[in-house]
């Protein structure tokens, strides 16, 4: 059958060297992100602080999105499987990580005294509408790319959305790490480890915008795999922090 699933090496951009690098990078991301999700889940189960549960839940999904991205990417290399929506999964990864930053901000603000004019300091007005819009766009990308693949309009939407989501998350993350009362705490250390993950992870789908400007796709793929590896490396340090925090509970 023409559409049957078959195992067999499929070269990335027809380049054996690039294929090998992608295989190693995606394998690294899959292993590390699955461990990250596991330790986030263990922290969620072991924590005695109900206010932190939502943070751990978001981080479990962070690990899940990255693991799924890695697994699907590997399947594309070693089989006839095609996942046109794979980049939308990375946008989802960035979104869930951003929501974890927002939740950290919310948790710290609710346990402190930083309230101005009845609103939490640094919290974006109308955040529920903003976040709901982000979720809707990610769903549109997942469905749209499944149906139409890497259509230029979807690629543009993917890149612009990722920039907006990452900027939204960085606002919460950088604001929170600048607060004196969280310095040296687990929250502060975790945020400082996760901020690079957000930045490098966001660059994975953002780089696709270069194809709309005429840059050769092979060049874009060479850059993308670098960001995949760097994201995995940054996630590894965050995983170590989660493991250390679990041991202290």
C-alpha atoms as a PDB file:
ATOM      1  CA  UNK A   1       0.000   0.000   0.000  1.00  0.00           C
ATOM      2  CA  UNK A   2       1.271   3.464  -0.879  1.00  0.00           C
ATOM      3  CA  UNK A   3       0.352   4.940   2.503  1.00  0.00           C
ATOM      4  CA  UNK A   4       1.574   2.021   4.658  1.00  0.00           C
ATOM      5  CA  UNK A   5       3.907   2.683   7.565  1.00  0.00           C
ATOM      6  CA  UNK A   6       7.450   1.484   6.982  1.00  0.00           C
ATOM      7  CA  UNK A   7      10.697   1.741   8.890  1.00  0.00           C
ATOM      8  CA  UNK A   8      13.692   3.042   7.000  1.00  0.00           C
ATOM      9  CA  UNK A   9      16.116   5.947   7.114  1.00  0.00           C
ATOM     10  CA  UNK A  10      14.771   9.179   5.644  1.00  0.00           C
ATOM     11  CA  UNK A  11      17.427  11.831   5.127  1.00  0.00           C
ATOM     12  CA  UNK A  12      16.773  15.341   6.394  1.00  0.00           C
ATOM     13  CA  UNK A  13      17.108  17.690   3.408  1.00  0.00           C
ATOM     14  CA  UNK A  14      18.904  14.836   1.624  1.00  0.00           C
ATOM     15  CA  UNK A  15      21.940  15.369   3.867  1.00  0.00           C
ATOM     16  CA  UNK A  16      23.368  12.370   5.802  1.00  0.00           C
ATOM     17  CA  UNK A  17      25.401  14.570   8.167  1.00  0.00           C
ATOM     18  CA  UNK A  18      22.428  16.796   8.991  1.00  0.00           C
ATOM     19  CA  UNK A  19      20.286  13.697   9.491  1.00  0.00           C
ATOM     20  CA  UNK A  20      22.778  12.285  12.005  1.00  0.00           C
ATOM     21  CA  UNK A  21      22.916  15.567  13.923  1.00  0.00           C
ATOM     22  CA  UNK A  22      19.117  15.791  13.998  1.00  0.00           C
ATOM     23  CA  UNK A  23      18.888  12.189  15.205  1.00  0.00           C
ATOM     24  CA  UNK A  24      21.311  12.860  18.052  1.00  0.00           C
ATOM     25  CA  UNK A  25      19.721  16.197  18.950  1.00  0.00           C
ATOM     26  CA  UNK A  26      16.176  14.848  18.973  1.00  0.00           C
ATOM     27  CA  UNK A  27      17.279  11.781  20.945  1.00  0.00           C
ATOM     28  CA  UNK A  28      18.898  14.056  23.513  1.00  0.00           C
ATOM     29  CA  UNK A  29      15.789  16.223  23.724  1.00  0.00           C
ATOM     30  CA  UNK A  30      13.512  13.193  24.082  1.00  0.00           C
ATOM     31  CA  UNK A  31      15.504  11.630  26.911  1.00  0.00           C
ATOM     32  CA  UNK A  32      16.048  14.848  28.844  1.00  0.00           C
ATOM     33  CA  UNK A  33      12.501  16.168  28.455  1.00  0.00           C
ATOM     34  CA  UNK A  34      11.007  12.851  29.558  1.00  0.00           C
ATOM     35  CA  UNK A  35      13.184  12.982  32.679  1.00  0.00           C
ATOM     36  CA  UNK A  36      12.173  16.604  33.204  1.00  0.00           C
ATOM     37  CA  UNK A  37       8.495  15.664  33.041  1.00  0.00           C
ATOM     38  CA  UNK A  38       9.079  12.712  35.377  1.00  0.00           C
ATOM     39  CA  UNK A  39      10.794  14.819  38.040  1.00  0.00           C
ATOM     40  CA  UNK A  40       8.182  17.564  37.691  1.00  0.00           C
ATOM     41  CA  UNK A  41       5.520  14.921  38.348  1.00  0.00           C
ATOM     42  CA  UNK A  42       7.432  13.546  41.336  1.00  0.00           C
ATOM     43  CA  UNK A  43       7.795  17.062  42.755  1.00  0.00           C
ATOM     44  CA  UNK A  44       4.068  17.607  42.290  1.00  0.00           C
ATOM     45  CA  UNK A  45       3.297  14.407  44.179  1.00  0.00           C
ATOM     46  CA  UNK A  46       5.792  15.109  46.966  1.00  0.00           C
ATOM     47  CA  UNK A  47       5.144  18.803  47.578  1.00  0.00           C
ATOM     48  CA  UNK A  48       3.191  19.746  50.713  1.00  0.00           C
ATOM     49  CA  UNK A  49       2.361  23.176  49.279  1.00  0.00           C
ATOM     50  CA  UNK A  50      -0.979  23.171  47.405  1.00  0.00           C
ATOM     51  CA  UNK A  51      -0.164  26.577  45.889  1.00  0.00           C
ATOM     52  CA  UNK A  52       2.737  25.027  43.963  1.00  0.00           C
ATOM     53  CA  UNK A  53       0.741  22.167  42.458  1.00  0.00           C
ATOM     54  CA  UNK A  54      -0.339  24.161  39.396  1.00  0.00           C
ATOM     55  CA  UNK A  55       3.297  25.084  38.716  1.00  0.00           C
ATOM     56  CA  UNK A  56       4.351  21.441  38.728  1.00  0.00           C
ATOM     57  CA  UNK A  57       1.384  20.507  36.534  1.00  0.00           C
ATOM     58  CA  UNK A  58       2.460  23.021  33.894  1.00  0.00           C
ATOM     59  CA  UNK A  59       6.033  21.713  34.053  1.00  0.00           C
ATOM     60  CA  UNK A  60       4.799  18.141  33.551  1.00  0.00           C
ATOM     61  CA  UNK A  61       3.163  19.330  30.319  1.00  0.00           C
ATOM     62  CA  UNK A  62       6.373  21.150  29.359  1.00  0.00           C
ATOM     63  CA  UNK A  63       8.189  17.828  29.521  1.00  0.00           C
ATOM     64  CA  UNK A  64       5.353  16.125  27.661  1.00  0.00           C
ATOM     65  CA  UNK A  65       5.320  18.564  24.739  1.00  0.00           C
ATOM     66  CA  UNK A  66       9.101  18.409  24.313  1.00  0.00           C
ATOM     67  CA  UNK A  67       9.107  14.613  24.536  1.00  0.00           C
ATOM     68  CA  UNK A  68       6.365  14.330  21.921  1.00  0.00           C
ATOM     69  CA  UNK A  69       8.258  16.743  19.656  1.00  0.00           C
ATOM     70  CA  UNK A  70      11.383  14.620  19.966  1.00  0.00           C
ATOM     71  CA  UNK A  71       9.601  11.301  19.414  1.00  0.00           C
ATOM     72  CA  UNK A  72       7.747  12.521  16.320  1.00  0.00           C
ATOM     73  CA  UNK A  73      10.934  14.025  14.936  1.00  0.00           C
ATOM     74  CA  UNK A  74      12.763  10.734  15.393  1.00  0.00           C
ATOM     75  CA  UNK A  75       9.932   8.819  13.745  1.00  0.00           C
ATOM     76  CA  UNK A  76      10.183  11.115  10.730  1.00  0.00           C
ATOM     77  CA  UNK A  77      13.852  10.161  10.408  1.00  0.00           C
ATOM     78  CA  UNK A  78      13.606   6.400  10.920  1.00  0.00           C
ATOM     79  CA  UNK A  79      10.304   5.700   9.164  1.00  0.00           C
ATOM     80  CA  UNK A  80       7.820   6.836   6.540  1.00  0.00           C
ATOM     81  CA  UNK A  81       5.872   8.687   9.239  1.00  0.00           C
ATOM     82  CA  UNK A  82       5.297  12.385   8.527  1.00  0.00           C
ATOM     83  CA  UNK A  83       4.301  14.915  11.195  1.00  0.00           C
ATOM     84  CA  UNK A  84       3.558  18.213   9.418  1.00  0.00           C
ATOM     85  CA  UNK A  85       2.277  19.698  12.685  1.00  0.00           C
ATOM     86  CA  UNK A  86       5.499  19.034  14.614  1.00  0.00           C
ATOM     87  CA  UNK A  87       6.515  22.698  14.780  1.00  0.00           C
ATOM     88  CA  UNK A  88       3.117  23.565  16.259  1.00  0.00           C
ATOM     89  CA  UNK A  89       4.012  21.224  19.133  1.00  0.00           C
ATOM     90  CA  UNK A  90       7.051  23.358  19.877  1.00  0.00           C
ATOM     91  CA  UNK A  91       4.827  26.450  19.926  1.00  0.00           C
ATOM     92  CA  UNK A  92       2.703  24.550  22.455  1.00  0.00           C
ATOM     93  CA  UNK A  93       5.857  23.787  24.445  1.00  0.00           C
ATOM     94  CA  UNK A  94       6.720  27.487  24.575  1.00  0.00           C
ATOM     95  CA  UNK A  95       3.145  28.359  25.567  1.00  0.00           C
ATOM     96  CA  UNK A  96       2.965  25.865  28.447  1.00  0.00           C
ATOM     97  CA  UNK A  97       6.374  27.001  29.713  1.00  0.00           C
ATOM     98  CA  UNK A  98       5.147  30.594  29.547  1.00  0.00           C
ATOM     99  CA  UNK A  99       2.032  29.658  31.521  1.00  0.00           C
ATOM    100  CA  UNK A 100       4.248  28.098  34.181  1.00  0.00           C
ATOM    101  CA  UNK A 101       6.065  31.439  34.491  1.00  0.00           C
ATOM    102  CA  UNK A 102       2.745  33.207  34.864  1.00  0.00           C
ATOM    103  CA  UNK A 103       1.666  30.688  37.485  1.00  0.00           C
ATOM    104  CA  UNK A 104       4.896  31.189  39.422  1.00  0.00           C
ATOM    105  CA  UNK A 105       4.276  34.930  39.365  1.00  0.00           C
ATOM    106  CA  UNK A 106       0.687  34.433  40.489  1.00  0.00           C
ATOM    107  CA  UNK A 107       1.679  32.083  43.318  1.00  0.00           C
ATOM    108  CA  UNK A 108       4.419  34.358  44.639  1.00  0.00           C
ATOM    109  CA  UNK A 109       2.208  37.455  44.379  1.00  0.00           C
ATOM    110  CA  UNK A 110      -0.680  35.790  46.199  1.00  0.00           C
ATOM    111  CA  UNK A 111       1.590  34.790  49.079  1.00  0.00           C
ATOM    112  CA  UNK A 112       3.159  38.224  49.307  1.00  0.00           C
ATOM    113  CA  UNK A 113       1.950  41.775  49.590  1.00  0.00           C
ATOM    114  CA  UNK A 114       2.588  43.071  46.090  1.00  0.00           C
ATOM    115  CA  UNK A 115      -0.835  44.404  45.171  1.00  0.00           C
ATOM    116  CA  UNK A 116      -1.344  47.676  43.372  1.00  0.00           C
ATOM    117  CA  UNK A 117      -4.801  49.149  42.742  1.00  0.00           C
ATOM    118  CA  UNK A 118      -6.320  45.755  43.437  1.00  0.00           C
ATOM    119  CA  UNK A 119      -4.226  44.011  40.796  1.00  0.00           C
ATOM    120  CA  UNK A 120      -1.109  41.877  41.067  1.00  0.00           C
ATOM    121  CA  UNK A 121       2.032  43.833  40.270  1.00  0.00           C
ATOM    122  CA  UNK A 122       3.417  43.098  36.814  1.00  0.00           C
ATOM    123  CA  UNK A 123       0.411  41.041  35.764  1.00  0.00           C
ATOM    124  CA  UNK A 124      -0.783  41.755  32.247  1.00  0.00           C
ATOM    125  CA  UNK A 125      -4.331  43.180  32.255  1.00  0.00           C
ATOM    126  CA  UNK A 126      -6.825  40.880  30.550  1.00  0.00           C
ATOM    127  CA  UNK A 127      -4.398  37.980  30.799  1.00  0.00           C
ATOM    128  CA  UNK A 128      -7.133  35.351  30.553  1.00  0.00           C
ATOM    129  CA  UNK A 129      -8.189  36.694  27.164  1.00  0.00           C
ATOM    130  CA  UNK A 130      -4.558  36.896  26.040  1.00  0.00           C
ATOM    131  CA  UNK A 131      -3.768  33.361  27.151  1.00  0.00           C
ATOM    132  CA  UNK A 132      -7.016  32.034  25.703  1.00  0.00           C
ATOM    133  CA  UNK A 133      -6.054  33.620  22.389  1.00  0.00           C
ATOM    134  CA  UNK A 134      -2.652  31.928  22.503  1.00  0.00           C
ATOM    135  CA  UNK A 135      -4.238  28.538  23.168  1.00  0.00           C
ATOM    136  CA  UNK A 136      -6.668  29.053  20.287  1.00  0.00           C
ATOM    137  CA  UNK A 137      -3.866  29.927  17.869  1.00  0.00           C
ATOM    138  CA  UNK A 138      -1.868  26.847  18.885  1.00  0.00           C
ATOM    139  CA  UNK A 139      -4.934  24.689  18.201  1.00  0.00           C
ATOM    140  CA  UNK A 140      -5.367  26.391  14.816  1.00  0.00           C
ATOM    141  CA  UNK A 141      -1.715  25.656  14.011  1.00  0.00           C
ATOM    142  CA  UNK A 142      -2.037  22.013  15.037  1.00  0.00           C
ATOM    143  CA  UNK A 143      -5.119  21.475  12.889  1.00  0.00           C
ATOM    144  CA  UNK A 144      -3.981  23.715  10.037  1.00  0.00           C
ATOM    145  CA  UNK A 145      -0.536  22.150   9.694  1.00  0.00           C
ATOM    146  CA  UNK A 146      -2.005  18.661   9.920  1.00  0.00           C
ATOM    147  CA  UNK A 147      -4.210  19.513   6.944  1.00  0.00           C
ATOM    148  CA  UNK A 148      -2.114  21.962   4.912  1.00  0.00           C
ATOM    149  CA  UNK A 149       1.440  21.301   6.081  1.00  0.00           C
ATOM    150  CA  UNK A 150       3.976  24.139   6.106  1.00  0.00           C
ATOM    151  CA  UNK A 151       1.766  26.633   4.291  1.00  0.00           C
ATOM    152  CA  UNK A 152       3.409  30.098   4.225  1.00  0.00           C
ATOM    153  CA  UNK A 153       0.505  31.685   6.118  1.00  0.00           C
ATOM    154  CA  UNK A 154       0.729  29.038   8.827  1.00  0.00           C
ATOM    155  CA  UNK A 155       4.500  29.409   9.029  1.00  0.00           C
ATOM    156  CA  UNK A 156       4.059  33.161   9.474  1.00  0.00           C
ATOM    157  CA  UNK A 157       1.400  32.614  12.141  1.00  0.00           C
ATOM    158  CA  UNK A 158       3.658  30.087  13.865  1.00  0.00           C
ATOM    159  CA  UNK A 159       6.603  32.473  14.038  1.00  0.00           C
ATOM    160  CA  UNK A 160       4.667  35.568  15.071  1.00  0.00           C
ATOM    161  CA  UNK A 161       2.721  33.649  17.716  1.00  0.00           C
ATOM    162  CA  UNK A 162       5.890  32.174  19.180  1.00  0.00           C
ATOM    163  CA  UNK A 163       7.472  35.619  19.418  1.00  0.00           C
ATOM    164  CA  UNK A 164       4.390  36.970  21.206  1.00  0.00           C
ATOM    165  CA  UNK A 165       4.126  34.006  23.586  1.00  0.00           C
ATOM    166  CA  UNK A 166       7.840  34.082  24.430  1.00  0.00           C
ATOM    167  CA  UNK A 167       7.736  37.841  25.062  1.00  0.00           C
ATOM    168  CA  UNK A 168       4.722  37.337  27.340  1.00  0.00           C
ATOM    169  CA  UNK A 169       6.560  34.645  29.286  1.00  0.00           C
ATOM    170  CA  UNK A 170       9.796  36.610  29.501  1.00  0.00           C
ATOM    171  CA  UNK A 171       7.890  39.521  31.019  1.00  0.00           C
ATOM    172  CA  UNK A 172       6.775  37.335  33.907  1.00  0.00           C
ATOM    173  CA  UNK A 173      10.069  35.491  34.224  1.00  0.00           C
ATOM    174  CA  UNK A 174      12.376  38.490  34.229  1.00  0.00           C
ATOM    175  CA  UNK A 175      10.051  40.467  36.516  1.00  0.00           C
ATOM    176  CA  UNK A 176       9.960  37.668  39.065  1.00  0.00           C
ATOM    177  CA  UNK A 177      13.726  37.071  39.098  1.00  0.00           C
ATOM    178  CA  UNK A 178      14.252  40.789  39.751  1.00  0.00           C
ATOM    179  CA  UNK A 179      12.266  40.656  42.993  1.00  0.00           C
ATOM    180  CA  UNK A 180      14.467  40.657  46.100  1.00  0.00           C
ATOM    181  CA  UNK A 181      12.115  38.491  48.143  1.00  0.00           C
ATOM    182  CA  UNK A 182      12.479  35.484  45.825  1.00  0.00           C
ATOM    183  CA  UNK A 183      16.256  35.647  45.371  1.00  0.00           C
ATOM    184  CA  UNK A 184      17.960  32.470  46.509  1.00  0.00           C
ATOM    185  CA  UNK A 185      14.704  30.531  46.755  1.00  0.00           C
ATOM    186  CA  UNK A 186      13.782  27.411  44.799  1.00  0.00           C
ATOM    187  CA  UNK A 187      11.446  29.525  42.643  1.00  0.00           C
ATOM    188  CA  UNK A 188      14.247  31.950  41.776  1.00  0.00           C
ATOM    189  CA  UNK A 189      16.695  29.179  40.885  1.00  0.00           C
ATOM    190  CA  UNK A 190      14.107  27.293  38.836  1.00  0.00           C
ATOM    191  CA  UNK A 191      13.171  30.404  36.870  1.00  0.00           C
ATOM    192  CA  UNK A 192      16.804  31.186  36.113  1.00  0.00           C
ATOM    193  CA  UNK A 193      17.236  27.676  34.726  1.00  0.00           C
ATOM    194  CA  UNK A 194      14.019  27.801  32.702  1.00  0.00           C
ATOM    195  CA  UNK A 195      14.464  31.245  31.107  1.00  0.00           C
ATOM    196  CA  UNK A 196      17.135  29.951  28.659  1.00  0.00           C
ATOM    197  CA  UNK A 197      14.861  26.995  27.852  1.00  0.00           C
ATOM    198  CA  UNK A 198      12.115  29.445  26.882  1.00  0.00           C
ATOM    199  CA  UNK A 199      14.412  31.556  24.716  1.00  0.00           C
ATOM    200  CA  UNK A 200      16.111  28.699  22.855  1.00  0.00           C
ATOM    201  CA  UNK A 201      12.911  26.674  22.578  1.00  0.00           C
ATOM    202  CA  UNK A 202      11.125  29.650  21.032  1.00  0.00           C
ATOM    203  CA  UNK A 203      13.857  30.049  18.426  1.00  0.00           C
ATOM    204  CA  UNK A 204      13.114  26.555  17.050  1.00  0.00           C
ATOM    205  CA  UNK A 205       9.809  27.602  15.407  1.00  0.00           C
ATOM    206  CA  UNK A 206      10.782  31.262  14.982  1.00  0.00           C
ATOM    207  CA  UNK A 207      13.654  30.367  12.649  1.00  0.00           C
ATOM    208  CA  UNK A 208      11.104  29.065  10.126  1.00  0.00           C
ATOM    209  CA  UNK A 209      10.235  32.696   9.380  1.00  0.00           C
ATOM    210  CA  UNK A 210      13.544  32.889   7.514  1.00  0.00           C
ATOM    211  CA  UNK A 211      12.136  30.598   4.810  1.00  0.00           C
ATOM    212  CA  UNK A 212       9.515  33.248   4.049  1.00  0.00           C
ATOM    213  CA  UNK A 213      12.358  35.667   3.397  1.00  0.00           C
ATOM    214  CA  UNK A 214      13.865  33.359   0.795  1.00  0.00           C
ATOM    215  CA  UNK A 215      16.522  31.615   2.912  1.00  0.00           C
ATOM    216  CA  UNK A 216      17.167  28.067   1.740  1.00  0.00           C
ATOM    217  CA  UNK A 217      15.330  25.496   3.865  1.00  0.00           C
ATOM    218  CA  UNK A 218      18.481  23.412   4.278  1.00  0.00           C
ATOM    219  CA  UNK A 219      20.183  26.369   5.953  1.00  0.00           C
ATOM    220  CA  UNK A 220      17.171  26.879   8.226  1.00  0.00           C
ATOM    221  CA  UNK A 221      17.276  23.209   9.231  1.00  0.00           C
ATOM    222  CA  UNK A 222      20.972  23.488  10.099  1.00  0.00           C
ATOM    223  CA  UNK A 223      20.165  26.394  12.405  1.00  0.00           C
ATOM    224  CA  UNK A 224      17.093  24.670  13.850  1.00  0.00           C
ATOM    225  CA  UNK A 225      19.013  21.589  14.944  1.00  0.00           C
ATOM    226  CA  UNK A 226      21.451  23.813  16.826  1.00  0.00           C
ATOM    227  CA  UNK A 227      18.560  25.319  18.779  1.00  0.00           C
ATOM    228  CA  UNK A 228      17.148  21.835  19.436  1.00  0.00           C
ATOM    229  CA  UNK A 229      20.450  20.750  20.974  1.00  0.00           C
ATOM    230  CA  UNK A 230      20.877  23.956  22.985  1.00  0.00           C
ATOM    231  CA  UNK A 231      17.284  23.704  24.242  1.00  0.00           C
ATOM    232  CA  UNK A 232      17.912  20.129  25.368  1.00  0.00           C
ATOM    233  CA  UNK A 233      21.105  21.197  27.127  1.00  0.00           C
ATOM    234  CA  UNK A 234      19.335  24.050  28.925  1.00  0.00           C
ATOM    235  CA  UNK A 235      16.516  21.693  29.887  1.00  0.00           C
ATOM    236  CA  UNK A 236      19.080  19.298  31.353  1.00  0.00           C
ATOM    237  CA  UNK A 237      20.224  21.873  33.922  1.00  0.00           C
ATOM    238  CA  UNK A 238      16.589  22.538  34.847  1.00  0.00           C
ATOM    239  CA  UNK A 239      16.056  18.781  35.223  1.00  0.00           C
ATOM    240  CA  UNK A 240      18.983  18.587  37.634  1.00  0.00           C
ATOM    241  CA  UNK A 241      17.379  21.361  39.680  1.00  0.00           C
ATOM    242  CA  UNK A 242      14.071  19.478  39.808  1.00  0.00           C
ATOM    243  CA  UNK A 243      15.890  16.347  40.961  1.00  0.00           C
ATOM    244  CA  UNK A 244      17.705  18.298  43.683  1.00  0.00           C
ATOM    245  CA  UNK A 245      14.470  19.906  44.834  1.00  0.00           C
ATOM    246  CA  UNK A 246      12.793  16.491  45.022  1.00  0.00           C
ATOM    247  CA  UNK A 247      15.619  15.185  47.207  1.00  0.00           C
ATOM    248  CA  UNK A 248      15.126  18.095  49.619  1.00  0.00           C
ATOM    249  CA  UNK A 249      11.392  17.482  50.107  1.00  0.00           C
END
